[in-house]
Amino acid sequence: MIFVKVNKENEIEQVHYLPFDPVHGFGKTEEELLKEGLLVESLPEPELISGKNAMLRYDGSDFYFEYEDIPLTSEQQIELLKVQNSQMLFALVEGGLL
């Protein structure tokens, strides 16, 4: 069993894979844990998307993922601007504007 605690915004606050373990568990009964969250057999696996962070959510009946952009570092932003600049320059040259 996996214990999952969900907040009011459907965000997963906590996941515990061994809630009943005598050493690492919560030391609570199933009924006590169900008052605080959910007990499930498994969780879905996120799709790996470059530049995105998968956020597990629960809508009251099912789990799903929301994918958020990972903020770029300053160095990554500079490299992206260089690539975009090169692409625009190439398009101007191909179009006969330069």
PDB file of N, CA and C in Angstrom:
ATOM      1  N   MET A   1       0.825  -1.189   0.000  1.00  0.00           N
ATOM      2  CA  MET A   1       0.000   0.000   0.000  1.00  0.00           C
ATOM      3  C   MET A   1       0.868   1.250   0.000  1.00  0.00           C
ATOM      4  N   ILE A   2       0.358   2.260  -0.662  1.00  0.00           N
ATOM      5  CA  ILE A   2       1.031   3.556  -0.724  1.00  0.00           C
ATOM      6  C   ILE A   2       0.092   4.582  -0.113  1.00  0.00           C
ATOM      7  N   PHE A   3       0.606   5.389   0.814  1.00  0.00           N
ATOM      8  CA  PHE A   3      -0.170   6.461   1.415  1.00  0.00           C
ATOM      9  C   PHE A   3       0.080   7.745   0.641  1.00  0.00           C
ATOM     10  N   VAL A   4      -1.015   8.459   0.282  1.00  0.00           N
ATOM     11  CA  VAL A   4      -0.915   9.710  -0.458  1.00  0.00           C
ATOM     12  C   VAL A   4      -1.756  10.759   0.252  1.00  0.00           C
ATOM     13  N   LYS A   5      -1.135  11.897   0.552  1.00  0.00           N
ATOM     14  CA  LYS A   5      -1.852  13.020   1.171  1.00  0.00           C
ATOM     15  C   LYS A   5      -2.021  14.104   0.113  1.00  0.00           C
ATOM     16  N   VAL A   6      -3.267  14.567  -0.067  1.00  0.00           N
ATOM     17  CA  VAL A   6      -3.619  15.539  -1.105  1.00  0.00           C
ATOM     18  C   VAL A   6      -4.145  16.800  -0.442  1.00  0.00           C
ATOM     19  N   ASN A   7      -3.732  17.981  -0.945  1.00  0.00           N
ATOM     20  CA  ASN A   7      -4.261  19.233  -0.394  1.00  0.00           C
ATOM     21  C   ASN A   7      -5.487  19.701  -1.179  1.00  0.00           C
ATOM     22  N   LYS A   8      -6.027  20.852  -0.798  1.00  0.00           N
ATOM     23  CA  LYS A   8      -7.257  21.356  -1.420  1.00  0.00           C
ATOM     24  C   LYS A   8      -7.075  21.765  -2.872  1.00  0.00           C
ATOM     25  N   GLU A   9      -5.854  22.023  -3.310  1.00  0.00           N
ATOM     26  CA  GLU A   9      -5.573  22.389  -4.703  1.00  0.00           C
ATOM     27  C   GLU A   9      -5.272  21.167  -5.560  1.00  0.00           C
ATOM     28  N   ASN A  10      -5.595  19.987  -5.055  1.00  0.00           N
ATOM     29  CA  ASN A  10      -5.359  18.708  -5.748  1.00  0.00           C
ATOM     30  C   ASN A  10      -3.880  18.383  -5.900  1.00  0.00           C
ATOM     31  N   GLU A  11      -3.030  19.049  -5.155  1.00  0.00           N
ATOM     32  CA  GLU A  11      -1.595  18.778  -5.208  1.00  0.00           C
ATOM     33  C   GLU A  11      -1.251  17.677  -4.214  1.00  0.00           C
ATOM     34  N   ILE A  12      -0.304  16.860  -4.588  1.00  0.00           N
ATOM     35  CA  ILE A  12       0.155  15.792  -3.709  1.00  0.00           C
ATOM     36  C   ILE A  12       1.137  16.402  -2.723  1.00  0.00           C
ATOM     37  N   GLU A  13       0.815  16.317  -1.444  1.00  0.00           N
ATOM     38  CA  GLU A  13       1.689  16.859  -0.405  1.00  0.00           C
ATOM     39  C   GLU A  13       2.688  15.831   0.105  1.00  0.00           C
ATOM     40  N   GLN A  14       2.261  14.567   0.110  1.00  0.00           N
ATOM     41  CA  GLN A  14       3.115  13.536   0.686  1.00  0.00           C
ATOM     42  C   GLN A  14       2.813  12.189   0.051  1.00  0.00           C
ATOM     43  N   VAL A  15       3.855  11.424  -0.181  1.00  0.00           N
ATOM     44  CA  VAL A  15       3.732  10.044  -0.637  1.00  0.00           C
ATOM     45  C   VAL A  15       4.641   9.200   0.255  1.00  0.00           C
ATOM     46  N   HIS A  16       4.080   8.146   0.818  1.00  0.00           N
ATOM     47  CA  HIS A  16       4.858   7.252   1.668  1.00  0.00           C
ATOM     48  C   HIS A  16       4.618   5.826   1.180  1.00  0.00           C
ATOM     49  N   TYR A  17       5.685   5.175   0.754  1.00  0.00           N
ATOM     50  CA  TYR A  17       5.567   3.848   0.160  1.00  0.00           C
ATOM     51  C   TYR A  17       5.516   2.715   1.187  1.00  0.00           C
ATOM     52  N   LEU A  18       5.800   3.009   2.436  1.00  0.00           N
ATOM     53  CA  LEU A  18       5.776   1.981   3.483  1.00  0.00           C
ATOM     54  C   LEU A  18       5.021   2.486   4.713  1.00  0.00           C
ATOM     55  N   PRO A  19       3.748   2.865   4.573  1.00  0.00           N
ATOM     56  CA  PRO A  19       3.049   3.478   5.704  1.00  0.00           C
ATOM     57  C   PRO A  19       2.824   2.546   6.889  1.00  0.00           C
ATOM     58  N   PHE A  20       2.837   1.228   6.658  1.00  0.00           N
ATOM     59  CA  PHE A  20       2.595   0.275   7.739  1.00  0.00           C
ATOM     60  C   PHE A  20       3.863  -0.422   8.212  1.00  0.00           C
ATOM     61  N   ASP A  21       5.014  -0.026   7.686  1.00  0.00           N
ATOM     62  CA  ASP A  21       6.279  -0.634   8.076  1.00  0.00           C
ATOM     63  C   ASP A  21       6.516  -0.388   9.570  1.00  0.00           C
ATOM     64  N   PRO A  22       6.941  -1.428  10.317  1.00  0.00           N
ATOM     65  CA  PRO A  22       7.136  -1.255  11.762  1.00  0.00           C
ATOM     66  C   PRO A  22       8.246  -0.268  12.119  1.00  0.00           C
ATOM     67  N   VAL A  23       9.208  -0.094  11.255  1.00  0.00           N
ATOM     68  CA  VAL A  23      10.319   0.823  11.545  1.00  0.00           C
ATOM     69  C   VAL A  23      10.108   2.181  10.896  1.00  0.00           C
ATOM     70  N   HIS A  24       9.775   2.200   9.604  1.00  0.00           N
ATOM     71  CA  HIS A  24       9.704   3.449   8.849  1.00  0.00           C
ATOM     72  C   HIS A  24       8.274   3.939   8.594  1.00  0.00           C
ATOM     73  N   GLY A  25       7.296   3.201   9.072  1.00  0.00           N
ATOM     74  CA  GLY A  25       5.904   3.574   8.850  1.00  0.00           C
ATOM     75  C   GLY A  25       5.423   4.640   9.810  1.00  0.00           C
ATOM     76  N   PHE A  26       4.138   4.940   9.730  1.00  0.00           N
ATOM     77  CA  PHE A  26       3.536   5.979  10.566  1.00  0.00           C
ATOM     78  C   PHE A  26       3.113   5.470  11.942  1.00  0.00           C
ATOM     79  N   GLY A  27       2.989   4.166  12.092  1.00  0.00           N
ATOM     80  CA  GLY A  27       2.511   3.627  13.360  1.00  0.00           C
ATOM     81  C   GLY A  27       1.028   3.877  13.561  1.00  0.00           C
ATOM     82  N   LYS A  28       0.298   3.970  12.459  1.00  0.00           N
ATOM     83  CA  LYS A  28      -1.137   4.230  12.512  1.00  0.00           C
ATOM     84  C   LYS A  28      -1.892   3.100  11.828  1.00  0.00           C
ATOM     85  N   THR A  29      -3.177   3.012  12.155  1.00  0.00           N
ATOM     86  CA  THR A  29      -4.020   2.009  11.513  1.00  0.00           C
ATOM     87  C   THR A  29      -4.478   2.509  10.150  1.00  0.00           C
ATOM     88  N   GLU A  30      -5.056   1.594   9.370  1.00  0.00           N
ATOM     89  CA  GLU A  30      -5.578   1.965   8.048  1.00  0.00           C
ATOM     90  C   GLU A  30      -6.669   3.031   8.196  1.00  0.00           C
ATOM     91  N   GLU A  31      -7.523   2.872   9.185  1.00  0.00           N
ATOM     92  CA  GLU A  31      -8.602   3.841   9.399  1.00  0.00           C
ATOM     93  C   GLU A  31      -8.047   5.224   9.725  1.00  0.00           C
ATOM     94  N   GLU A  32      -7.003   5.288  10.538  1.00  0.00           N
ATOM     95  CA  GLU A  32      -6.392   6.572  10.894  1.00  0.00           C
ATOM     96  C   GLU A  32      -5.781   7.244   9.663  1.00  0.00           C
ATOM     97  N   LEU A  33      -5.112   6.454   8.824  1.00  0.00           N
ATOM     98  CA  LEU A  33      -4.489   7.008   7.626  1.00  0.00           C
ATOM     99  C   LEU A  33      -5.534   7.488   6.624  1.00  0.00           C
ATOM    100  N   LEU A  34      -6.654   6.785   6.514  1.00  0.00           N
ATOM    101  CA  LEU A  34      -7.699   7.180   5.566  1.00  0.00           C
ATOM    102  C   LEU A  34      -8.367   8.492   5.960  1.00  0.00           C
ATOM    103  N   LYS A  35      -8.264   8.891   7.217  1.00  0.00           N
ATOM    104  CA  LYS A  35      -8.771  10.191   7.657  1.00  0.00           C
ATOM    105  C   LYS A  35      -7.876  11.322   7.163  1.00  0.00           C
ATOM    106  N   GLU A  36      -6.606  11.005   6.917  1.00  0.00           N
ATOM    107  CA  GLU A  36      -5.617  12.002   6.508  1.00  0.00           C
ATOM    108  C   GLU A  36      -5.335  12.010   5.011  1.00  0.00           C
ATOM    109  N   GLY A  37      -5.595  10.894   4.330  1.00  0.00           N
ATOM    110  CA  GLY A  37      -5.242  10.811   2.916  1.00  0.00           C
ATOM    111  C   GLY A  37      -5.822   9.571   2.278  1.00  0.00           C
ATOM    112  N   LEU A  38      -5.126   9.076   1.268  1.00  0.00           N
ATOM    113  CA  LEU A  38      -5.574   7.928   0.478  1.00  0.00           C
ATOM    114  C   LEU A  38      -4.590   6.779   0.618  1.00  0.00           C
ATOM    115  N   LEU A  39      -5.090   5.574   0.464  1.00  0.00           N
ATOM    116  CA  LEU A  39      -4.240   4.394   0.372  1.00  0.00           C
ATOM    117  C   LEU A  39      -4.496   3.779  -0.992  1.00  0.00           C
ATOM    118  N   VAL A  40      -3.438   3.641  -1.794  1.00  0.00           N
ATOM    119  CA  VAL A  40      -3.565   3.122  -3.149  1.00  0.00           C
ATOM    120  C   VAL A  40      -2.538   2.006  -3.359  1.00  0.00           C
ATOM    121  N   GLU A  41      -2.795   1.192  -4.370  1.00  0.00           N
ATOM    122  CA  GLU A  41      -1.881   0.092  -4.702  1.00  0.00           C
ATOM    123  C   GLU A  41      -0.691   0.575  -5.533  1.00  0.00           C
ATOM    124  N   SER A  42      -0.949   1.566  -6.412  1.00  0.00           N
ATOM    125  CA  SER A  42       0.128   2.050  -7.279  1.00  0.00           C
ATOM    126  C   SER A  42      -0.162   3.483  -7.698  1.00  0.00           C
ATOM    127  N   LEU A  43       0.860   4.134  -8.221  1.00  0.00           N
ATOM    128  CA  LEU A  43       0.746   5.497  -8.752  1.00  0.00           C
ATOM    129  C   LEU A  43       1.189   5.488 -10.208  1.00  0.00           C
ATOM    130  N   PRO A  44       0.630   6.370 -11.025  1.00  0.00           N
ATOM    131  CA  PRO A  44       1.044   6.409 -12.432  1.00  0.00           C
ATOM    132  C   PRO A  44       2.463   6.939 -12.573  1.00  0.00           C
ATOM    133  N   GLU A  45       3.086   6.601 -13.671  1.00  0.00           N
ATOM    134  CA  GLU A  45       4.431   7.085 -13.989  1.00  0.00           C
ATOM    135  C   GLU A  45       4.304   8.287 -14.927  1.00  0.00           C
ATOM    136  N   PRO A  46       5.085   9.327 -14.698  1.00  0.00           N
ATOM    137  CA  PRO A  46       4.987  10.496 -15.577  1.00  0.00           C
ATOM    138  C   PRO A  46       5.637  10.254 -16.931  1.00  0.00           C
ATOM    139  N   GLU A  47       5.164  10.982 -17.926  1.00  0.00           N
ATOM    140  CA  GLU A  47       5.809  10.994 -19.237  1.00  0.00           C
ATOM    141  C   GLU A  47       7.017  11.913 -19.118  1.00  0.00           C
ATOM    142  N   LEU A  48       8.150  11.492 -19.622  1.00  0.00           N
ATOM    143  CA  LEU A  48       9.350  12.319 -19.545  1.00  0.00           C
ATOM    144  C   LEU A  48       9.365  13.281 -20.735  1.00  0.00           C
ATOM    145  N   ILE A  49       9.227  14.572 -20.428  1.00  0.00           N
ATOM    146  CA  ILE A  49       9.198  15.612 -21.451  1.00  0.00           C
ATOM    147  C   ILE A  49      10.338  16.575 -21.159  1.00  0.00           C
ATOM    148  N   SER A  50      11.203  16.768 -22.128  1.00  0.00           N
ATOM    149  CA  SER A  50      12.353  17.648 -21.955  1.00  0.00           C
ATOM    150  C   SER A  50      11.896  19.060 -21.612  1.00  0.00           C
ATOM    151  N   GLY A  51      12.494  19.642 -20.575  1.00  0.00           N
ATOM    152  CA  GLY A  51      12.179  21.012 -20.177  1.00  0.00           C
ATOM    153  C   GLY A  51      10.920  21.152 -19.350  1.00  0.00           C
ATOM    154  N   LYS A  52      10.320  20.026 -18.969  1.00  0.00           N
ATOM    155  CA  LYS A  52       9.080  20.046 -18.191  1.00  0.00           C
ATOM    156  C   LYS A  52       9.257  19.245 -16.907  1.00  0.00           C
ATOM    157  N   ASN A  53       8.567  19.684 -15.866  1.00  0.00           N
ATOM    158  CA  ASN A  53       8.547  18.993 -14.592  1.00  0.00           C
ATOM    159  C   ASN A  53       7.144  18.433 -14.394  1.00  0.00           C
ATOM    160  N   ALA A  54       7.025  17.149 -14.111  1.00  0.00           N
ATOM    161  CA  ALA A  54       5.730  16.502 -13.928  1.00  0.00           C
ATOM    162  C   ALA A  54       5.267  16.672 -12.485  1.00  0.00           C
ATOM    163  N   MET A  55       4.062  17.229 -12.315  1.00  0.00           N
ATOM    164  CA  MET A  55       3.479  17.427 -10.990  1.00  0.00           C
ATOM    165  C   MET A  55       2.270  16.501 -10.861  1.00  0.00           C
ATOM    166  N   LEU A  56       2.355  15.547  -9.943  1.00  0.00           N
ATOM    167  CA  LEU A  56       1.266  14.601  -9.735  1.00  0.00           C
ATOM    168  C   LEU A  56       0.119  15.293  -9.023  1.00  0.00           C
ATOM    169  N   ARG A  57      -1.109  15.086  -9.512  1.00  0.00           N
ATOM    170  CA  ARG A  57      -2.317  15.687  -8.954  1.00  0.00           C
ATOM    171  C   ARG A  57      -3.372  14.594  -8.773  1.00  0.00           C
ATOM    172  N   TYR A  58      -4.403  14.919  -7.989  1.00  0.00           N
ATOM    173  CA  TYR A  58      -5.524  14.010  -7.761  1.00  0.00           C
ATOM    174  C   TYR A  58      -6.807  14.819  -7.849  1.00  0.00           C
ATOM    175  N   ASP A  59      -7.749  14.392  -8.690  1.00  0.00           N
ATOM    176  CA  ASP A  59      -8.968  15.170  -8.907  1.00  0.00           C
ATOM    177  C   ASP A  59     -10.171  14.654  -8.120  1.00  0.00           C
ATOM    178  N   GLY A  60      -9.944  13.811  -7.145  1.00  0.00           N
ATOM    179  CA  GLY A  60     -11.021  13.257  -6.354  1.00  0.00           C
ATOM    180  C   GLY A  60     -11.367  11.834  -6.746  1.00  0.00           C
ATOM    181  N   SER A  61     -10.978  11.434  -7.953  1.00  0.00           N
ATOM    182  CA  SER A  61     -11.251  10.067  -8.380  1.00  0.00           C
ATOM    183  C   SER A  61     -10.066   9.423  -9.106  1.00  0.00           C
ATOM    184  N   ASP A  62      -9.154  10.252  -9.627  1.00  0.00           N
ATOM    185  CA  ASP A  62      -8.061   9.701 -10.414  1.00  0.00           C
ATOM    186  C   ASP A  62      -6.821  10.581 -10.302  1.00  0.00           C
ATOM    187  N   PHE A  63      -5.648   9.957 -10.468  1.00  0.00           N
ATOM    188  CA  PHE A  63      -4.388  10.691 -10.489  1.00  0.00           C
ATOM    189  C   PHE A  63      -4.079  11.124 -11.914  1.00  0.00           C
ATOM    190  N   TYR A  64      -3.440  12.270 -12.050  1.00  0.00           N
ATOM    191  CA  TYR A  64      -3.024  12.764 -13.356  1.00  0.00           C
ATOM    192  C   TYR A  64      -1.801  13.647 -13.156  1.00  0.00           C
ATOM    193  N   PHE A  65      -1.141  13.989 -14.249  1.00  0.00           N
ATOM    194  CA  PHE A  65       0.040  14.834 -14.183  1.00  0.00           C
ATOM    195  C   PHE A  65      -0.226  16.162 -14.873  1.00  0.00           C
ATOM    196  N   GLU A  66       0.299  17.229 -14.284  1.00  0.00           N
ATOM    197  CA  GLU A  66       0.375  18.536 -14.930  1.00  0.00           C
ATOM    198  C   GLU A  66       1.854  18.773 -15.183  1.00  0.00           C
ATOM    199  N   TYR A  67       2.163  19.278 -16.367  1.00  0.00           N
ATOM    200  CA  TYR A  67       3.560  19.486 -16.737  1.00  0.00           C
ATOM    201  C   TYR A  67       3.856  20.974 -16.739  1.00  0.00           C
ATOM    202  N   GLU A  68       4.841  21.360 -15.929  1.00  0.00           N
ATOM    203  CA  GLU A  68       5.224  22.761 -15.801  1.00  0.00           C
ATOM    204  C   GLU A  68       6.606  22.963 -16.417  1.00  0.00           C
ATOM    205  N   ASP A  69       6.810  24.138 -16.993  1.00  0.00           N
ATOM    206  CA  ASP A  69       8.119  24.463 -17.550  1.00  0.00           C
ATOM    207  C   ASP A  69       9.151  24.545 -16.435  1.00  0.00           C
ATOM    208  N   ILE A  70      10.329  24.010 -16.701  1.00  0.00           N
ATOM    209  CA  ILE A  70      11.446  24.146 -15.780  1.00  0.00           C
ATOM    210  C   ILE A  70      12.134  25.466 -16.112  1.00  0.00           C
ATOM    211  N   PRO A  71      12.288  26.353 -15.141  1.00  0.00           N
ATOM    212  CA  PRO A  71      12.938  27.634 -15.426  1.00  0.00           C
ATOM    213  C   PRO A  71      14.353  27.434 -15.966  1.00  0.00           C
ATOM    214  N   LEU A  72      14.698  28.225 -16.978  1.00  0.00           N
ATOM    215  CA  LEU A  72      16.027  28.145 -17.568  1.00  0.00           C
ATOM    216  C   LEU A  72      17.019  28.937 -16.727  1.00  0.00           C
ATOM    217  N   THR A  73      18.252  28.437 -16.689  1.00  0.00           N
ATOM    218  CA  THR A  73      19.321  29.200 -16.049  1.00  0.00           C
ATOM    219  C   THR A  73      19.714  30.345 -16.979  1.00  0.00           C
ATOM    220  N   SER A  74      20.478  31.286 -16.487  1.00  0.00           N
ATOM    221  CA  SER A  74      20.945  32.408 -17.308  1.00  0.00           C
ATOM    222  C   SER A  74      21.734  31.917 -18.512  1.00  0.00           C
ATOM    223  N   GLU A  75      22.577  30.906 -18.302  1.00  0.00           N
ATOM    224  CA  GLU A  75      23.378  30.371 -19.391  1.00  0.00           C
ATOM    225  C   GLU A  75      22.488  29.720 -20.454  1.00  0.00           C
ATOM    226  N   GLN A  76      21.456  29.008 -20.013  1.00  0.00           N
ATOM    227  CA  GLN A  76      20.536  28.374 -20.963  1.00  0.00           C
ATOM    228  C   GLN A  76      19.757  29.424 -21.748  1.00  0.00           C
ATOM    229  N   GLN A  77      19.349  30.500 -21.071  1.00  0.00           N
ATOM    230  CA  GLN A  77      18.630  31.579 -21.750  1.00  0.00           C
ATOM    231  C   GLN A  77      19.503  32.224 -22.818  1.00  0.00           C
ATOM    232  N   ILE A  78      20.789  32.447 -22.506  1.00  0.00           N
ATOM    233  CA  ILE A  78      21.713  33.044 -23.465  1.00  0.00           C
ATOM    234  C   ILE A  78      21.885  32.129 -24.672  1.00  0.00           C
ATOM    235  N   GLU A  79      22.067  30.831 -24.431  1.00  0.00           N
ATOM    236  CA  GLU A  79      22.222  29.878 -25.533  1.00  0.00           C
ATOM    237  C   GLU A  79      20.964  29.834 -26.398  1.00  0.00           C
ATOM    238  N   LEU A  80      19.802  29.867 -25.778  1.00  0.00           N
ATOM    239  CA  LEU A  80      18.549  29.865 -26.532  1.00  0.00           C
ATOM    240  C   LEU A  80      18.437  31.119 -27.393  1.00  0.00           C
ATOM    241  N   LEU A  81      18.795  32.265 -26.847  1.00  0.00           N
ATOM    242  CA  LEU A  81      18.763  33.510 -27.621  1.00  0.00           C
ATOM    243  C   LEU A  81      19.750  33.467 -28.785  1.00  0.00           C
ATOM    244  N   LYS A  82      20.914  32.867 -28.579  1.00  0.00           N
ATOM    245  CA  LYS A  82      21.892  32.742 -29.660  1.00  0.00           C
ATOM    246  C   LYS A  82      21.324  31.895 -30.797  1.00  0.00           C
ATOM    247  N   VAL A  83      20.685  30.787 -30.453  1.00  0.00           N
ATOM    248  CA  VAL A  83      20.096  29.909 -31.462  1.00  0.00           C
ATOM    249  C   VAL A  83      18.993  30.638 -32.211  1.00  0.00           C
ATOM    250  N   GLN A  84      18.118  31.340 -31.480  1.00  0.00           N
ATOM    251  CA  GLN A  84      17.025  32.072 -32.118  1.00  0.00           C
ATOM    252  C   GLN A  84      17.569  33.173 -33.033  1.00  0.00           C
ATOM    253  N   ASN A  85      18.622  33.845 -32.583  1.00  0.00           N
ATOM    254  CA  ASN A  85      19.234  34.902 -33.385  1.00  0.00           C
ATOM    255  C   ASN A  85      19.803  34.323 -34.682  1.00  0.00           C
ATOM    256  N   SER A  86      20.473  33.172 -34.581  1.00  0.00           N
ATOM    257  CA  SER A  86      21.033  32.525 -35.771  1.00  0.00           C
ATOM    258  C   SER A  86      19.931  32.114 -36.738  1.00  0.00           C
ATOM    259  N   GLN A  87      18.826  31.608 -36.214  1.00  0.00           N
ATOM    260  CA  GLN A  87      17.713  31.190 -37.066  1.00  0.00           C
ATOM    261  C   GLN A  87      17.076  32.385 -37.786  1.00  0.00           C
ATOM    262  N   MET A  88      16.944  33.506 -37.081  1.00  0.00           N
ATOM    263  CA  MET A  88      16.371  34.706 -37.711  1.00  0.00           C
ATOM    264  C   MET A  88      17.303  35.254 -38.782  1.00  0.00           C
ATOM    265  N   LEU A  89      18.612  35.258 -38.505  1.00  0.00           N
ATOM    266  CA  LEU A  89      19.580  35.733 -39.470  1.00  0.00           C
ATOM    267  C   LEU A  89      19.559  34.866 -40.727  1.00  0.00           C
ATOM    268  N   PHE A  90      19.500  33.556 -40.542  1.00  0.00           N
ATOM    269  CA  PHE A  90      19.436  32.631 -41.663  1.00  0.00           C
ATOM    270  C   PHE A  90      18.175  32.886 -42.502  1.00  0.00           C
ATOM    271  N   ALA A  91      17.022  33.109 -41.821  1.00  0.00           N
ATOM    272  CA  ALA A  91      15.781  33.368 -42.538  1.00  0.00           C
ATOM    273  C   ALA A  91      15.870  34.668 -43.330  1.00  0.00           C
ATOM    274  N   LEU A  92      16.526  35.685 -42.793  1.00  0.00           N
ATOM    275  CA  LEU A  92      16.682  36.957 -43.519  1.00  0.00           C
ATOM    276  C   LEU A  92      17.576  36.786 -44.738  1.00  0.00           C
ATOM    277  N   VAL A  93      18.650  36.021 -44.609  1.00  0.00           N
ATOM    278  CA  VAL A  93      19.564  35.775 -45.712  1.00  0.00           C
ATOM    279  C   VAL A  93      18.839  34.973 -46.799  1.00  0.00           C
ATOM    280  N   GLU A  94      18.130  33.935 -46.413  1.00  0.00           N
ATOM    281  CA  GLU A  94      17.391  33.113 -47.380  1.00  0.00           C
ATOM    282  C   GLU A  94      16.307  33.918 -48.097  1.00  0.00           C
ATOM    283  N   GLY A  95      15.720  34.860 -47.398  1.00  0.00           N
ATOM    284  CA  GLY A  95      14.662  35.670 -47.977  1.00  0.00           C
ATOM    285  C   GLY A  95      15.196  36.826 -48.837  1.00  0.00           C
ATOM    286  N   GLY A  96      16.491  36.958 -48.899  1.00  0.00           N
ATOM    287  CA  GLY A  96      17.109  37.991 -49.698  1.00  0.00           C
ATOM    288  C   GLY A  96      17.055  39.378 -49.076  1.00  0.00           C
ATOM    289  N   LEU A  97      16.797  39.436 -47.798  1.00  0.00           N
ATOM    290  CA  LEU A  97      16.720  40.743 -47.113  1.00  0.00           C
ATOM    291  C   LEU A  97      18.075  41.192 -46.600  1.00  0.00           C
ATOM    292  N   LEU A  98      19.046  40.314 -46.587  1.00  0.00           N
ATOM    293  CA  LEU A  98      20.411  40.675 -46.185  1.00  0.00           C
ATOM    294  C   LEU A  98      21.407  40.204 -47.205  1.00  0.00           C
TER     295      LEU A  98
END
